[in-house]
Structure formats: structure tokens, C-alpha cells
PDB file of N, CA and C in Angstrom:
ATOM      1  N   ILE A   1     -16.773 -81.350 209.725  1.00  0.00           N
ATOM      2  CA  ILE A   1     -17.006 -80.097 209.051  1.00  0.00           C
ATOM      3  C   ILE A   1     -17.815 -80.332 207.779  1.00  0.00           C
ATOM      4  N   LEU A   2     -17.417 -81.349 206.997  1.00  0.00           N
ATOM      5  CA  LEU A   2     -18.094 -81.625 205.731  1.00  0.00           C
ATOM      6  C   LEU A   2     -17.981 -83.108 205.424  1.00  0.00           C
ATOM      7  N   ARG A   3     -19.072 -83.660 204.886  1.00  0.00           N
ATOM      8  CA  ARG A   3     -19.093 -85.062 204.476  1.00  0.00           C
ATOM      9  C   ARG A   3     -19.942 -85.157 203.229  1.00  0.00           C
ATOM     10  N   LEU A   4     -19.402 -85.790 202.179  1.00  0.00           N
ATOM     11  CA  LEU A   4     -20.143 -85.974 200.932  1.00  0.00           C
ATOM     12  C   LEU A   4     -20.156 -87.445 200.544  1.00  0.00           C
ATOM     13  N   PRO A   5     -21.289 -88.073 200.308  1.00  0.00           N
ATOM     14  CA  PRO A   5     -22.605 -87.506 200.573  1.00  0.00           C
ATOM     15  C   PRO A   5     -22.849 -87.374 202.072  1.00  0.00           C
ATOM     16  N   ALA A   6     -23.811 -86.545 202.422  1.00  0.00           N
ATOM     17  CA  ALA A   6     -24.083 -86.230 203.822  1.00  0.00           C
ATOM     18  C   ALA A   6     -24.645 -87.420 204.592  1.00  0.00           C
ATOM     19  N   GLU A   7     -25.273 -88.366 203.916  1.00  0.00           N
ATOM     20  CA  GLU A   7     -25.910 -89.509 204.579  1.00  0.00           C
ATOM     21  C   GLU A   7     -25.360 -90.817 204.014  1.00  0.00           C
ATOM     22  N   GLY A   8     -25.526 -91.884 204.774  1.00  0.00           N
ATOM     23  CA  GLY A   8     -25.126 -93.206 204.312  1.00  0.00           C
ATOM     24  C   GLY A   8     -23.811 -93.664 204.912  1.00  0.00           C
ATOM     25  N   ASP A   9     -23.476 -94.931 204.642  1.00  0.00           N
ATOM     26  CA  ASP A   9     -22.270 -95.534 205.215  1.00  0.00           C
ATOM     27  C   ASP A   9     -20.998 -95.184 204.445  1.00  0.00           C
ATOM     28  N   ASP A  10     -21.112 -94.937 203.159  1.00  0.00           N
ATOM     29  CA  ASP A  10     -19.946 -94.628 202.328  1.00  0.00           C
ATOM     30  C   ASP A  10     -19.868 -93.133 202.083  1.00  0.00           C
ATOM     31  N   TRP A  11     -18.658 -92.619 202.048  1.00  0.00           N
ATOM     32  CA  TRP A  11     -18.462 -91.207 201.736  1.00  0.00           C
ATOM     33  C   TRP A  11     -17.324 -91.064 200.750  1.00  0.00           C
ATOM     34  N   ALA A  12     -17.402 -90.018 199.927  1.00  0.00           N
ATOM     35  CA  ALA A  12     -16.383 -89.740 198.926  1.00  0.00           C
ATOM     36  C   ALA A  12     -15.397 -88.692 199.421  1.00  0.00           C
ATOM     37  N   LEU A  13     -15.851 -87.833 200.333  1.00  0.00           N
ATOM     38  CA  LEU A  13     -15.022 -86.761 200.864  1.00  0.00           C
ATOM     39  C   LEU A  13     -15.437 -86.488 202.298  1.00  0.00           C
ATOM     40  N   ARG A  14     -14.447 -86.304 203.158  1.00  0.00           N
ATOM     41  CA  ARG A  14     -14.741 -85.961 204.543  1.00  0.00           C
ATOM     42  C   ARG A  14     -13.678 -84.994 205.029  1.00  0.00           C
ATOM     43  N   LEU A  15     -14.105 -83.873 205.587  1.00  0.00           N
ATOM     44  CA  LEU A  15     -13.206 -82.911 206.226  1.00  0.00           C
ATOM     45  C   LEU A  15     -13.548 -82.885 207.700  1.00  0.00           C
ATOM     46  N   SER A  16     -12.523 -82.979 208.537  1.00  0.00           N
ATOM     47  CA  SER A  16     -12.771 -82.949 209.976  1.00  0.00           C
ATOM     48  C   SER A  16     -11.607 -82.258 210.676  1.00  0.00           C
ATOM     49  N   VAL A  17     -11.855 -81.820 211.893  1.00  0.00           N
ATOM     50  CA  VAL A  17     -10.844 -81.197 212.731  1.00  0.00           C
ATOM     51  C   VAL A  17     -10.733 -82.033 213.995  1.00  0.00           C
ATOM     52  N   ALA A  18      -9.506 -82.339 214.383  1.00  0.00           N
ATOM     53  CA  ALA A  18      -9.285 -83.116 215.601  1.00  0.00           C
ATOM     54  C   ALA A  18      -8.164 -82.480 216.408  1.00  0.00           C
ATOM     55  N   GLU A  19      -8.322 -82.478 217.707  1.00  0.00           N
ATOM     56  CA  GLU A  19      -7.265 -82.015 218.592  1.00  0.00           C
ATOM     57  C   GLU A  19      -6.457 -83.221 219.039  1.00  0.00           C
ATOM     58  N   ILE A  20      -5.161 -83.134 218.885  1.00  0.00           N
ATOM     59  CA  ILE A  20      -4.275 -84.199 219.345  1.00  0.00           C
ATOM     60  C   ILE A  20      -3.683 -83.729 220.667  1.00  0.00           C
ATOM     61  N   GLU A  21      -4.111 -84.341 221.755  1.00  0.00           N
ATOM     62  CA  GLU A  21      -3.716 -83.892 223.082  1.00  0.00           C
ATOM     63  C   GLU A  21      -2.589 -84.714 223.685  1.00  0.00           C
ATOM     64  N   GLN A  22      -2.327 -85.888 223.096  1.00  0.00           N
ATOM     65  CA  GLN A  22      -1.256 -86.750 223.606  1.00  0.00           C
ATOM     66  C   GLN A  22      -0.801 -87.693 222.506  1.00  0.00           C
ATOM     67  N   ASP A  23       0.352 -88.284 222.698  1.00  0.00           N
ATOM     68  CA  ASP A  23       0.867 -89.275 221.756  1.00  0.00           C
ATOM     69  C   ASP A  23      -0.121 -90.438 221.675  1.00  0.00           C
ATOM     70  N   ALA A  24      -0.411 -90.888 220.457  1.00  0.00           N
ATOM     71  CA  ALA A  24      -1.379 -91.973 220.309  1.00  0.00           C
ATOM     72  C   ALA A  24      -1.340 -92.545 218.897  1.00  0.00           C
ATOM     73  N   ALA A  25      -1.876 -93.748 218.770  1.00  0.00           N
ATOM     74  CA  ALA A  25      -2.029 -94.376 217.456  1.00  0.00           C
ATOM     75  C   ALA A  25      -3.124 -93.647 216.682  1.00  0.00           C
ATOM     76  N   PHE A  26      -2.985 -93.608 215.346  1.00  0.00           N
ATOM     77  CA  PHE A  26      -4.001 -93.008 214.497  1.00  0.00           C
ATOM     78  C   PHE A  26      -4.993 -94.086 214.082  1.00  0.00           C
ATOM     79  N   SER A  27      -6.228 -93.697 213.901  1.00  0.00           N
ATOM     80  CA  SER A  27      -7.259 -94.612 213.415  1.00  0.00           C
ATOM     81  C   SER A  27      -6.959 -94.999 211.970  1.00  0.00           C
ATOM     82  N   ALA A  28      -7.343 -96.216 211.612  1.00  0.00           N
ATOM     83  CA  ALA A  28      -7.157 -96.700 210.243  1.00  0.00           C
ATOM     84  C   ALA A  28      -8.413 -96.401 209.427  1.00  0.00           C
ATOM     85  N   PHE A  29      -8.213 -96.011 208.180  1.00  0.00           N
ATOM     86  CA  PHE A  29      -9.290 -95.812 207.215  1.00  0.00           C
ATOM     87  C   PHE A  29      -8.879 -96.494 205.919  1.00  0.00           C
ATOM     88  N   PRO A  30      -8.965 -97.836 205.872  1.00  0.00           N
ATOM     89  CA  PRO A  30      -8.541 -98.576 204.681  1.00  0.00           C
ATOM     90  C   PRO A  30      -9.227 -98.073 203.418  1.00  0.00           C
ATOM     91  N   GLY A  31      -8.417 -97.921 202.366  1.00  0.00           N
ATOM     92  CA  GLY A  31      -8.931 -97.501 201.079  1.00  0.00           C
ATOM     93  C   GLY A  31      -9.152 -96.006 200.927  1.00  0.00           C
ATOM     94  N   VAL A  32      -8.754 -95.235 201.941  1.00  0.00           N
ATOM     95  CA  VAL A  32      -8.962 -93.787 201.920  1.00  0.00           C
ATOM     96  C   VAL A  32      -7.618 -93.077 201.868  1.00  0.00           C
ATOM     97  N   GLU A  33      -7.471 -92.129 200.958  1.00  0.00           N
ATOM     98  CA  GLU A  33      -6.278 -91.288 200.907  1.00  0.00           C
ATOM     99  C   GLU A  33      -6.462 -90.188 201.950  1.00  0.00           C
ATOM    100  N   ARG A  34      -5.502 -90.078 202.880  1.00  0.00           N
ATOM    101  CA  ARG A  34      -5.621 -89.094 203.962  1.00  0.00           C
ATOM    102  C   ARG A  34      -4.628 -87.958 203.768  1.00  0.00           C
ATOM    103  N   GLU A  35      -5.013 -86.790 204.241  1.00  0.00           N
ATOM    104  CA  GLU A  35      -4.108 -85.649 204.263  1.00  0.00           C
ATOM    105  C   GLU A  35      -4.290 -84.957 205.600  1.00  0.00           C
ATOM    106  N   LEU A  36      -3.189 -84.789 206.304  1.00  0.00           N
ATOM    107  CA  LEU A  36      -3.183 -84.146 207.619  1.00  0.00           C
ATOM    108  C   LEU A  36      -2.549 -82.775 207.463  1.00  0.00           C
ATOM    109  N   VAL A  37      -3.247 -81.739 207.928  1.00  0.00           N
ATOM    110  CA  VAL A  37      -2.756 -80.362 207.847  1.00  0.00           C
ATOM    111  C   VAL A  37      -2.754 -79.788 209.254  1.00  0.00           C
ATOM    112  N   LEU A  38      -1.645 -79.206 209.660  1.00  0.00           N
ATOM    113  CA  LEU A  38      -1.527 -78.590 210.981  1.00  0.00           C
ATOM    114  C   LEU A  38      -2.218 -77.238 210.974  1.00  0.00           C
ATOM    115  N   LEU A  39      -3.206 -77.065 211.856  1.00  0.00           N
ATOM    116  CA  LEU A  39      -3.922 -75.797 211.952  1.00  0.00           C
ATOM    117  C   LEU A  39      -3.357 -74.910 213.059  1.00  0.00           C
ATOM    118  N   GLN A  40      -2.873 -75.539 214.136  1.00  0.00           N
ATOM    119  CA  GLN A  40      -2.276 -74.791 215.237  1.00  0.00           C
ATOM    120  C   GLN A  40      -1.410 -75.719 216.063  1.00  0.00           C
ATOM    121  N   GLY A  41      -0.592 -75.143 216.917  1.00  0.00           N
ATOM    122  CA  GLY A  41       0.267 -75.940 217.780  1.00  0.00           C
ATOM    123  C   GLY A  41       1.684 -76.038 217.246  1.00  0.00           C
ATOM    124  N   ASN A  42       2.500 -76.823 217.959  1.00  0.00           N
ATOM    125  CA  ASN A  42       3.922 -76.950 217.637  1.00  0.00           C
ATOM    126  C   ASN A  42       4.238 -78.084 216.682  1.00  0.00           C
ATOM    127  N   GLY A  43       3.253 -78.867 216.332  1.00  0.00           N
ATOM    128  CA  GLY A  43       3.459 -79.915 215.346  1.00  0.00           C
ATOM    129  C   GLY A  43       3.293 -81.311 215.891  1.00  0.00           C
ATOM    130  N   VAL A  44       3.308 -82.261 214.968  1.00  0.00           N
ATOM    131  CA  VAL A  44       3.180 -83.678 215.299  1.00  0.00           C
ATOM    132  C   VAL A  44       4.150 -84.466 214.424  1.00  0.00           C
ATOM    133  N   ARG A  45       4.729 -85.486 215.005  1.00  0.00           N
ATOM    134  CA  ARG A  45       5.642 -86.395 214.304  1.00  0.00           C
ATOM    135  C   ARG A  45       4.895 -87.705 214.100  1.00  0.00           C
ATOM    136  N   LEU A  46       4.823 -88.160 212.855  1.00  0.00           N
ATOM    137  CA  LEU A  46       4.140 -89.408 212.539  1.00  0.00           C
ATOM    138  C   LEU A  46       5.175 -90.499 212.323  1.00  0.00           C
ATOM    139  N   ARG A  47       5.049 -91.567 213.078  1.00  0.00           N
ATOM    140  CA  ARG A  47       5.939 -92.723 212.943  1.00  0.00           C
ATOM    141  C   ARG A  47       5.143 -93.873 212.346  1.00  0.00           C
ATOM    142  N   PHE A  48       5.514 -94.239 211.118  1.00  0.00           N
ATOM    143  CA  PHE A  48       4.835 -95.319 210.396  1.00  0.00           C
ATOM    144  C   PHE A  48       5.484 -96.652 210.736  1.00  0.00           C
ATOM    145  N   ASP A  49       4.700 -97.721 210.678  1.00  0.00           N
ATOM    146  CA  ASP A  49       5.222 -99.060 210.977  1.00  0.00           C
ATOM    147  C   ASP A  49       6.360 -99.472 210.057  1.00  0.00           C
ATOM    148  N   ASP A  50       6.412 -98.913 208.839  1.00  0.00           N
ATOM    149  CA  ASP A  50       7.487 -99.277 207.916  1.00  0.00           C
ATOM    150  C   ASP A  50       8.790 -98.524 208.200  1.00  0.00           C
ATOM    151  N   GLY A  51       8.818 -97.699 209.262  1.00  0.00           N
ATOM    152  CA  GLY A  51      10.026 -96.977 209.654  1.00  0.00           C
ATOM    153  C   GLY A  51      10.076 -95.533 209.207  1.00  0.00           C
ATOM    154  N   ARG A  52       9.179 -95.142 208.304  1.00  0.00           N
ATOM    155  CA  ARG A  52       9.154 -93.741 207.872  1.00  0.00           C
ATOM    156  C   ARG A  52       8.742 -92.837 209.019  1.00  0.00           C
ATOM    157  N   VAL A  53       9.266 -91.618 208.989  1.00  0.00           N
ATOM    158  CA  VAL A  53       8.881 -90.591 209.954  1.00  0.00           C
ATOM    159  C   VAL A  53       8.551 -89.333 209.156  1.00  0.00           C
ATOM    160  N   ALA A  54       7.416 -88.722 209.455  1.00  0.00           N
ATOM    161  CA  ALA A  54       7.021 -87.467 208.811  1.00  0.00           C
ATOM    162  C   ALA A  54       6.711 -86.463 209.906  1.00  0.00           C
ATOM    163  N   GLU A  55       7.256 -85.269 209.771  1.00  0.00           N
ATOM    164  CA  GLU A  55       6.957 -84.212 210.730  1.00  0.00           C
ATOM    165  C   GLU A  55       6.014 -83.210 210.085  1.00  0.00           C
ATOM    166  N   VAL A  56       4.968 -82.876 210.789  1.00  0.00           N
ATOM    167  CA  VAL A  56       3.989 -81.892 210.343  1.00  0.00           C
ATOM    168  C   VAL A  56       4.186 -80.689 211.266  1.00  0.00           C
ATOM    169  N   LEU A  57       4.836 -79.658 210.730  1.00  0.00           N
ATOM    170  CA  LEU A  57       5.300 -78.539 211.551  1.00  0.00           C
ATOM    171  C   LEU A  57       4.646 -77.231 211.138  1.00  0.00           C
ATOM    172  N   PRO A  58       4.626 -76.255 212.064  1.00  0.00           N
ATOM    173  CA  PRO A  58       4.067 -74.948 211.716  1.00  0.00           C
ATOM    174  C   PRO A  58       4.971 -74.237 210.722  1.00  0.00           C
ATOM    175  N   PRO A  59       4.442 -73.312 209.951  1.00  0.00           N
ATOM    176  CA  PRO A  59       3.005 -73.032 209.870  1.00  0.00           C
ATOM    177  C   PRO A  59       2.343 -73.899 208.809  1.00  0.00           C
ATOM    178  N   HIS A  60       1.291 -74.552 209.151  1.00  0.00           N
ATOM    179  CA  HIS A  60       0.430 -75.300 208.220  1.00  0.00           C
ATOM    180  C   HIS A  60       1.121 -76.434 207.475  1.00  0.00           C
ATOM    181  N   GLY A  61       2.002 -77.145 208.167  1.00  0.00           N
ATOM    182  CA  GLY A  61       2.616 -78.324 207.568  1.00  0.00           C
ATOM    183  C   GLY A  61       1.556 -79.334 207.188  1.00  0.00           C
ATOM    184  N   ARG A  62       1.897 -80.210 206.236  1.00  0.00           N
ATOM    185  CA  ARG A  62       0.932 -81.223 205.810  1.00  0.00           C
ATOM    186  C   ARG A  62       1.641 -82.467 205.307  1.00  0.00           C
ATOM    187  N   VAL A  63       0.923 -83.574 205.363  1.00  0.00           N
ATOM    188  CA  VAL A  63       1.440 -84.848 204.877  1.00  0.00           C
ATOM    189  C   VAL A  63       0.261 -85.673 204.356  1.00  0.00           C
ATOM    190  N   ARG A  64       0.505 -86.436 203.285  1.00  0.00           N
ATOM    191  CA  ARG A  64      -0.505 -87.347 202.737  1.00  0.00           C
ATOM    192  C   ARG A  64      -0.043 -88.773 202.954  1.00  0.00           C
ATOM    193  N   PHE A  65      -1.011 -89.663 203.215  1.00  0.00           N
ATOM    194  CA  PHE A  65      -0.677 -91.066 203.425  1.00  0.00           C
ATOM    195  C   PHE A  65      -1.922 -91.922 203.228  1.00  0.00           C
ATOM    196  N   ALA A  66      -1.699 -93.192 202.976  1.00  0.00           N
ATOM    197  CA  ALA A  66      -2.798 -94.137 202.778  1.00  0.00           C
ATOM    198  C   ALA A  66      -3.477 -94.429 204.117  1.00  0.00           C
ATOM    199  N   GLY A  67      -4.790 -94.467 204.096  1.00  0.00           N
ATOM    200  CA  GLY A  67      -5.564 -94.671 205.318  1.00  0.00           C
ATOM    201  C   GLY A  67      -5.353 -96.010 205.988  1.00  0.00           C
ATOM    202  N   GLU A  68      -4.845 -96.999 205.230  1.00  0.00           N
ATOM    203  CA  GLU A  68      -4.617 -98.316 205.840  1.00  0.00           C
ATOM    204  C   GLU A  68      -3.266 -98.412 206.543  1.00  0.00           C
ATOM    205  N   GLU A  69      -2.413 -97.392 206.389  1.00  0.00           N
ATOM    206  CA  GLU A  69      -1.098 -97.440 207.034  1.00  0.00           C
ATOM    207  C   GLU A  69      -1.244 -97.345 208.548  1.00  0.00           C
ATOM    208  N   THR A  70      -0.424 -98.123 209.242  1.00  0.00           N
ATOM    209  CA  THR A  70      -0.401 -98.095 210.698  1.00  0.00           C
ATOM    210  C   THR A  70       0.627 -97.064 211.126  1.00  0.00           C
ATOM    211  N   LEU A  71       0.184 -96.119 211.968  1.00  0.00           N
ATOM    212  CA  LEU A  71       1.121 -95.083 212.407  1.00  0.00           C
ATOM    213  C   LEU A  71       0.767 -94.596 213.798  1.00  0.00           C
ATOM    214  N   HIS A  72       1.741 -93.969 214.409  1.00  0.00           N
ATOM    215  CA  HIS A  72       1.628 -93.426 215.763  1.00  0.00           C
ATOM    216  C   HIS A  72       2.009 -91.952 215.700  1.00  0.00           C
ATOM    217  N   GLY A  73       1.201 -91.092 216.297  1.00  0.00           N
ATOM    218  CA  GLY A  73       1.496 -89.666 216.328  1.00  0.00           C
ATOM    219  C   GLY A  73       2.114 -89.271 217.653  1.00  0.00           C
ATOM    220  N   GLU A  74       3.138 -88.422 217.569  1.00  0.00           N
ATOM    221  CA  GLU A  74       3.804 -87.898 218.766  1.00  0.00           C
ATOM    222  C   GLU A  74       3.788 -86.378 218.688  1.00  0.00           C
ATOM    223  N   LEU A  75       3.390 -85.724 219.752  1.00  0.00           N
ATOM    224  CA  LEU A  75       3.438 -84.270 219.794  1.00  0.00           C
ATOM    225  C   LEU A  75       4.891 -83.820 219.792  1.00  0.00           C
ATOM    226  N   VAL A  76       5.202 -82.795 219.014  1.00  0.00           N
ATOM    227  CA  VAL A  76       6.573 -82.314 218.916  1.00  0.00           C
ATOM    228  C   VAL A  76       7.024 -81.705 220.232  1.00  0.00           C
ATOM    229  N   ASP A  77       6.133 -81.014 220.933  1.00  0.00           N
ATOM    230  CA  ASP A  77       6.515 -80.400 222.203  1.00  0.00           C
ATOM    231  C   ASP A  77       6.230 -81.336 223.340  1.00  0.00           C
TER     232      ASP A  77
END
């Protein structure tokens, strides 16, 4: 949706939309502060390697985490 700066290998800000269709590992973005916001659906449960669990539930649940953290997303439904 948005990337600043628009060109080059490094970016300071990136907004994107992704559909999560099945349980899967999340991509790593070392050194990047991430924020996940639920736009639609029944939610996603994030399981971090350190044992933490975060649920992102409707309406518009959100969670922030470090991009280098290893985690797995599970659809709530």
C-alpha cells in the first residue's frame, strides 16, 4: 500500500495487506518494529518461540512485536 522511501533497498515505513489463508510461520524482518492489525475475519493467534501467545481478534485487534522474533500464526477458526 505504501513504502517510504518508494525506491531502494532500505525503507523507513511500509504498510501492506496480507491474507492469511492457513496456519503458517511469519516472515522475519530483523530490526523492524511490526504491528499487525486485523482488518477482517475471525482472528489469528500468534505463537512466539519464547512461549508467548497473542490473539488478534475482531474487531480490529492489534499486536506489536519485533521483526526478528520467530512466530507461527494460527487462524482462530
